[in-house]
Amino acid sequence: MSMSRGLHQIAGVFLETAEQERQHAKWLFRLMNNLKPGTKINVEAEVHVSLGSTVENLKAAIDGENHEHTSMYPGFARTAEEEGLNEISARLRAISIAEKYALGRRCTGSALQHQEGGCEAGKGALQHARLVER
């Protein structure tokens, strides 16, 4: 959607986020598969489902990243540690840290907070998105 509106920098943010999430999913699958190959594992997760304006989508992406690094992955890591799965716990904590810094690297948080983000990727992104959506 961002690409079709000419918001190439914002589209890049979404694509980079999607790639990072794909890598995290691959790691989680490997860890679960090594734990008990062929076993069904139930995982409770919260997923924010929205497809709105570019501004709404940026806010949803930020909310999702915040949820992942403040609640979801730390909770998964604690459970793994309680169950004696230290390697899995360490990987989950590493993913949590990656999520924490993802927004800063991509400047989406800055773009939303300041509307004139401090780096090239986020500079004016939200302001531009608002103008395009009018």
Foldseek 3Di string as FASTA:
>chain_A
DCVVLVLVLLVVLVVVLVVLVVVVVVVVVVVVCVVPNPDDDDDDDDDDDDDDASLVVLVNLLVVLCCQLPPNLQVVLVVCVVVVNNVSSVVSNVSSVCSVCSCVVQQSVQCVVPCQTPDPSRGNSVVVSVVSVD
